[in-house]
Amino acid sequence: MASGKKKRRTEEENREFNQDWTESFAFICDTDGVPTCLICHDELSHNKKSNLERHSTTKHTQFAGKYPIGDARKKAVEELKKKKQPAKFHAK
């Protein structure tokens, strides 16, 4: 049962990392365009908000509880960014 439709490729969707996701989900984008978690250093394969959100809510629920969105989380994310290797990541 071939439908004859061409499969979508995520590389063709031109997804870009949104800088708001750094504070919201504690992710940064490395020089290769790969989203990387600041907490556990996992790399996700696609720049999709749903993937970053799922990772944060399933693996780092304590972080979200300890640092609610706002100034506390902003400071915590900045500290995590300082601990990362600065040469590998964008300084946007």
N, C-alpha and C. Protein backbone atom coordinates (compact mmCIF):
# COMPACT_ATOMS: atom_id res chain seq x y z
N MET A 1 0.83 -1.19 0.00
CA MET A 1 0.00 0.00 0.00
C MET A 1 0.87 1.25 0.00
N ALA A 2 1.55 1.47 -1.06
CA ALA A 2 2.36 2.67 -1.19
C ALA A 2 1.45 3.85 -1.52
N SER A 3 1.59 4.90 -0.76
CA SER A 3 0.73 6.07 -0.97
C SER A 3 1.27 6.98 -2.06
N GLY A 4 2.50 6.81 -2.43
CA GLY A 4 3.08 7.64 -3.46
C GLY A 4 3.53 9.01 -2.96
N LYS A 5 3.28 9.29 -1.67
CA LYS A 5 3.70 10.57 -1.11
C LYS A 5 5.16 10.49 -0.68
N LYS A 6 5.84 11.58 -0.86
CA LYS A 6 7.23 11.67 -0.46
C LYS A 6 7.29 11.89 1.06
N LYS A 7 8.18 11.16 1.75
CA LYS A 7 8.32 11.32 3.19
C LYS A 7 8.96 12.66 3.52
N ARG A 8 8.50 13.25 4.60
CA ARG A 8 9.09 14.50 5.07
C ARG A 8 10.42 14.22 5.74
N ARG A 9 11.36 15.08 5.52
CA ARG A 9 12.65 14.96 6.17
C ARG A 9 12.82 16.16 7.09
N THR A 10 13.26 15.90 8.32
CA THR A 10 13.40 17.00 9.27
C THR A 10 14.50 17.96 8.86
N GLU A 11 15.48 17.49 8.11
CA GLU A 11 16.55 18.38 7.65
C GLU A 11 16.01 19.44 6.70
N GLU A 12 14.93 19.15 6.02
CA GLU A 12 14.35 20.07 5.06
C GLU A 12 13.41 21.08 5.70
N GLU A 13 13.14 20.95 6.99
CA GLU A 13 12.20 21.84 7.66
C GLU A 13 12.85 23.14 8.13
N ASN A 14 14.17 23.23 8.05
CA ASN A 14 14.90 24.44 8.43
C ASN A 14 14.55 24.93 9.84
N ARG A 15 14.56 24.04 10.78
CA ARG A 15 14.26 24.41 12.16
C ARG A 15 15.49 25.08 12.77
N GLU A 16 15.25 26.16 13.50
CA GLU A 16 16.32 26.88 14.16
C GLU A 16 16.06 26.91 15.65
N PHE A 17 17.14 26.98 16.42
CA PHE A 17 17.05 27.05 17.86
C PHE A 17 16.51 28.41 18.27
N ASN A 18 15.51 28.41 19.13
CA ASN A 18 14.92 29.64 19.64
C ASN A 18 15.62 29.99 20.95
N GLN A 19 16.17 31.19 21.06
CA GLN A 19 16.94 31.58 22.25
C GLN A 19 16.09 31.60 23.52
N ASP A 20 14.78 31.71 23.40
CA ASP A 20 13.91 31.66 24.58
C ASP A 20 13.94 30.29 25.25
N TRP A 21 14.29 29.26 24.49
CA TRP A 21 14.34 27.91 25.04
C TRP A 21 15.47 27.73 26.05
N THR A 22 16.47 28.59 25.99
CA THR A 22 17.58 28.50 26.95
C THR A 22 17.05 28.69 28.36
N GLU A 23 16.29 29.73 28.57
CA GLU A 23 15.75 29.97 29.91
C GLU A 23 14.61 29.01 30.23
N SER A 24 13.76 28.73 29.28
CA SER A 24 12.59 27.90 29.55
C SER A 24 12.95 26.45 29.86
N PHE A 25 13.88 25.88 29.09
CA PHE A 25 14.17 24.45 29.20
C PHE A 25 15.61 24.13 29.55
N ALA A 26 16.45 25.14 29.79
CA ALA A 26 17.87 24.96 30.11
C ALA A 26 18.62 24.23 28.99
N PHE A 27 18.40 24.68 27.77
CA PHE A 27 19.11 24.14 26.60
C PHE A 27 19.87 25.26 25.92
N ILE A 28 20.98 24.91 25.30
CA ILE A 28 21.71 25.84 24.45
C ILE A 28 21.97 25.14 23.13
N CYS A 29 22.34 25.91 22.14
CA CYS A 29 22.62 25.38 20.82
C CYS A 29 24.13 25.42 20.60
N ASP A 30 24.73 24.28 20.28
CA ASP A 30 26.18 24.28 20.04
C ASP A 30 26.47 24.76 18.63
N THR A 31 27.73 24.82 18.28
CA THR A 31 28.14 25.36 16.99
C THR A 31 27.65 24.53 15.81
N ASP A 32 27.30 23.27 16.05
CA ASP A 32 26.77 22.41 14.99
C ASP A 32 25.26 22.54 14.84
N GLY A 33 24.63 23.35 15.68
CA GLY A 33 23.18 23.53 15.62
C GLY A 33 22.41 22.48 16.39
N VAL A 34 23.10 21.75 17.27
CA VAL A 34 22.47 20.68 18.04
C VAL A 34 22.06 21.23 19.41
N PRO A 35 20.79 21.06 19.81
CA PRO A 35 20.39 21.51 21.14
C PRO A 35 20.99 20.60 22.22
N THR A 36 21.61 21.20 23.23
CA THR A 36 22.29 20.46 24.28
C THR A 36 21.77 20.90 25.64
N CYS A 37 21.43 19.94 26.49
CA CYS A 37 20.91 20.22 27.82
C CYS A 37 22.05 20.72 28.72
N LEU A 38 21.82 21.82 29.41
CA LEU A 38 22.82 22.36 30.31
C LEU A 38 22.94 21.54 31.60
N ILE A 39 21.93 20.79 31.93
CA ILE A 39 21.92 20.04 33.19
C ILE A 39 22.62 18.70 33.05
N CYS A 40 22.20 17.89 32.06
CA CYS A 40 22.76 16.54 31.92
C CYS A 40 23.65 16.38 30.69
N HIS A 41 23.75 17.43 29.87
CA HIS A 41 24.61 17.46 28.68
C HIS A 41 24.15 16.51 27.58
N ASP A 42 22.90 16.07 27.62
CA ASP A 42 22.35 15.27 26.52
C ASP A 42 22.18 16.15 25.30
N GLU A 43 22.41 15.57 24.14
CA GLU A 43 22.18 16.28 22.88
C GLU A 43 20.94 15.69 22.22
N LEU A 44 20.03 16.56 21.81
CA LEU A 44 18.84 16.12 21.10
C LEU A 44 19.08 16.27 19.60
N SER A 45 18.37 15.48 18.83
CA SER A 45 18.65 15.46 17.40
C SER A 45 17.98 16.57 16.62
N HIS A 46 16.89 17.16 17.15
CA HIS A 46 16.15 18.15 16.38
C HIS A 46 15.83 19.38 17.22
N ASN A 47 15.79 20.52 16.58
CA ASN A 47 15.40 21.77 17.23
C ASN A 47 13.88 21.88 17.21
N LYS A 48 13.24 21.15 18.09
CA LYS A 48 11.79 21.21 18.21
C LYS A 48 11.44 21.50 19.66
N LYS A 49 10.57 22.49 19.85
CA LYS A 49 10.19 22.88 21.20
C LYS A 49 9.62 21.68 21.98
N SER A 50 8.82 20.86 21.33
CA SER A 50 8.19 19.74 22.01
C SER A 50 9.24 18.74 22.53
N ASN A 51 10.30 18.53 21.78
CA ASN A 51 11.35 17.61 22.22
C ASN A 51 12.09 18.16 23.43
N LEU A 52 12.41 19.45 23.41
CA LEU A 52 13.11 20.07 24.53
C LEU A 52 12.23 20.09 25.77
N GLU A 53 10.95 20.41 25.57
CA GLU A 53 10.01 20.46 26.68
C GLU A 53 9.83 19.07 27.31
N ARG A 54 9.70 18.06 26.48
CA ARG A 54 9.55 16.69 26.98
C ARG A 54 10.78 16.26 27.79
N HIS A 55 11.96 16.56 27.28
CA HIS A 55 13.19 16.22 27.99
C HIS A 55 13.21 16.90 29.36
N SER A 56 12.89 18.19 29.39
CA SER A 56 12.92 18.94 30.65
C SER A 56 11.90 18.42 31.66
N THR A 57 10.69 18.14 31.20
CA THR A 57 9.65 17.72 32.14
C THR A 57 9.83 16.28 32.61
N THR A 58 10.43 15.43 31.80
CA THR A 58 10.59 14.04 32.23
C THR A 58 11.88 13.80 33.00
N LYS A 59 12.94 14.47 32.63
CA LYS A 59 14.24 14.19 33.26
C LYS A 59 14.64 15.20 34.32
N HIS A 60 14.10 16.41 34.28
CA HIS A 60 14.55 17.46 35.19
C HIS A 60 13.40 18.15 35.90
N THR A 61 12.48 17.39 36.43
CA THR A 61 11.33 17.97 37.12
C THR A 61 11.76 18.74 38.38
N GLN A 62 12.81 18.28 39.04
CA GLN A 62 13.28 18.96 40.25
C GLN A 62 13.83 20.34 39.93
N PHE A 63 14.48 20.47 38.78
CA PHE A 63 15.02 21.78 38.37
C PHE A 63 13.89 22.79 38.18
N ALA A 64 12.84 22.36 37.50
CA ALA A 64 11.69 23.25 37.26
C ALA A 64 11.02 23.63 38.58
N GLY A 65 10.96 22.70 39.52
CA GLY A 65 10.35 22.99 40.81
C GLY A 65 11.20 23.91 41.65
N LYS A 66 12.50 23.72 41.60
CA LYS A 66 13.43 24.51 42.42
C LYS A 66 13.61 25.92 41.84
N TYR A 67 13.59 26.02 40.51
CA TYR A 67 13.80 27.31 39.84
C TYR A 67 12.62 27.62 38.92
N PRO A 68 11.55 28.20 39.47
CA PRO A 68 10.41 28.53 38.61
C PRO A 68 10.82 29.61 37.60
N ILE A 69 10.06 29.71 36.53
CA ILE A 69 10.36 30.68 35.47
C ILE A 69 10.46 32.07 36.08
N GLY A 70 11.50 32.78 35.76
CA GLY A 70 11.70 34.14 36.27
C GLY A 70 13.16 34.35 36.60
N ASP A 71 13.42 35.24 37.54
CA ASP A 71 14.80 35.60 37.87
C ASP A 71 15.60 34.43 38.43
N ALA A 72 14.98 33.60 39.26
CA ALA A 72 15.70 32.48 39.85
C ALA A 72 16.19 31.51 38.78
N ARG A 73 15.33 31.21 37.82
CA ARG A 73 15.73 30.30 36.75
C ARG A 73 16.78 30.95 35.85
N LYS A 74 16.61 32.23 35.59
CA LYS A 74 17.56 32.95 34.74
C LYS A 74 18.97 32.86 35.34
N LYS A 75 19.07 33.07 36.65
CA LYS A 75 20.37 33.00 37.33
C LYS A 75 20.92 31.57 37.30
N ALA A 76 20.06 30.59 37.52
CA ALA A 76 20.50 29.19 37.51
C ALA A 76 21.02 28.79 36.13
N VAL A 77 20.33 29.22 35.09
CA VAL A 77 20.76 28.90 33.72
C VAL A 77 22.08 29.58 33.41
N GLU A 78 22.26 30.82 33.86
CA GLU A 78 23.53 31.51 33.63
C GLU A 78 24.68 30.78 34.32
N GLU A 79 24.45 30.28 35.52
CA GLU A 79 25.49 29.51 36.22
C GLU A 79 25.81 28.22 35.47
N LEU A 80 24.79 27.55 34.96
CA LEU A 80 25.03 26.33 34.18
C LEU A 80 25.80 26.63 32.90
N LYS A 81 25.49 27.76 32.28
CA LYS A 81 26.19 28.15 31.06
C LYS A 81 27.67 28.42 31.34
N LYS A 82 27.97 29.00 32.49
CA LYS A 82 29.36 29.28 32.86
C LYS A 82 30.16 27.99 33.03
N LYS A 83 29.49 26.93 33.49
CA LYS A 83 30.16 25.65 33.71
C LYS A 83 30.45 24.91 32.41
N LYS A 84 29.70 25.24 31.35
CA LYS A 84 29.90 24.59 30.04
C LYS A 84 31.19 25.08 29.43
N GLN A 85 31.69 24.31 28.47
CA GLN A 85 32.89 24.72 27.73
C GLN A 85 32.51 25.87 26.81
N PRO A 86 33.03 27.07 27.05
CA PRO A 86 32.59 28.22 26.27
C PRO A 86 33.01 28.18 24.80
N ALA A 87 34.05 27.46 24.46
CA ALA A 87 34.52 27.43 23.06
C ALA A 87 33.57 26.69 22.15
N LYS A 88 32.80 25.75 22.68
CA LYS A 88 31.94 24.91 21.85
C LYS A 88 30.59 25.55 21.55
N PHE A 89 30.17 26.53 22.33
CA PHE A 89 28.81 27.03 22.22
C PHE A 89 28.75 28.48 21.81
N HIS A 90 27.64 28.84 21.16
CA HIS A 90 27.40 30.21 20.75
C HIS A 90 27.24 31.09 21.98
N ALA A 91 27.66 32.30 21.89
CA ALA A 91 27.50 33.24 22.99
C ALA A 91 26.41 34.24 22.68
N LYS A 92 25.32 33.78 22.10
CA LYS A 92 24.21 34.68 21.72
C LYS A 92 23.49 35.17 22.92
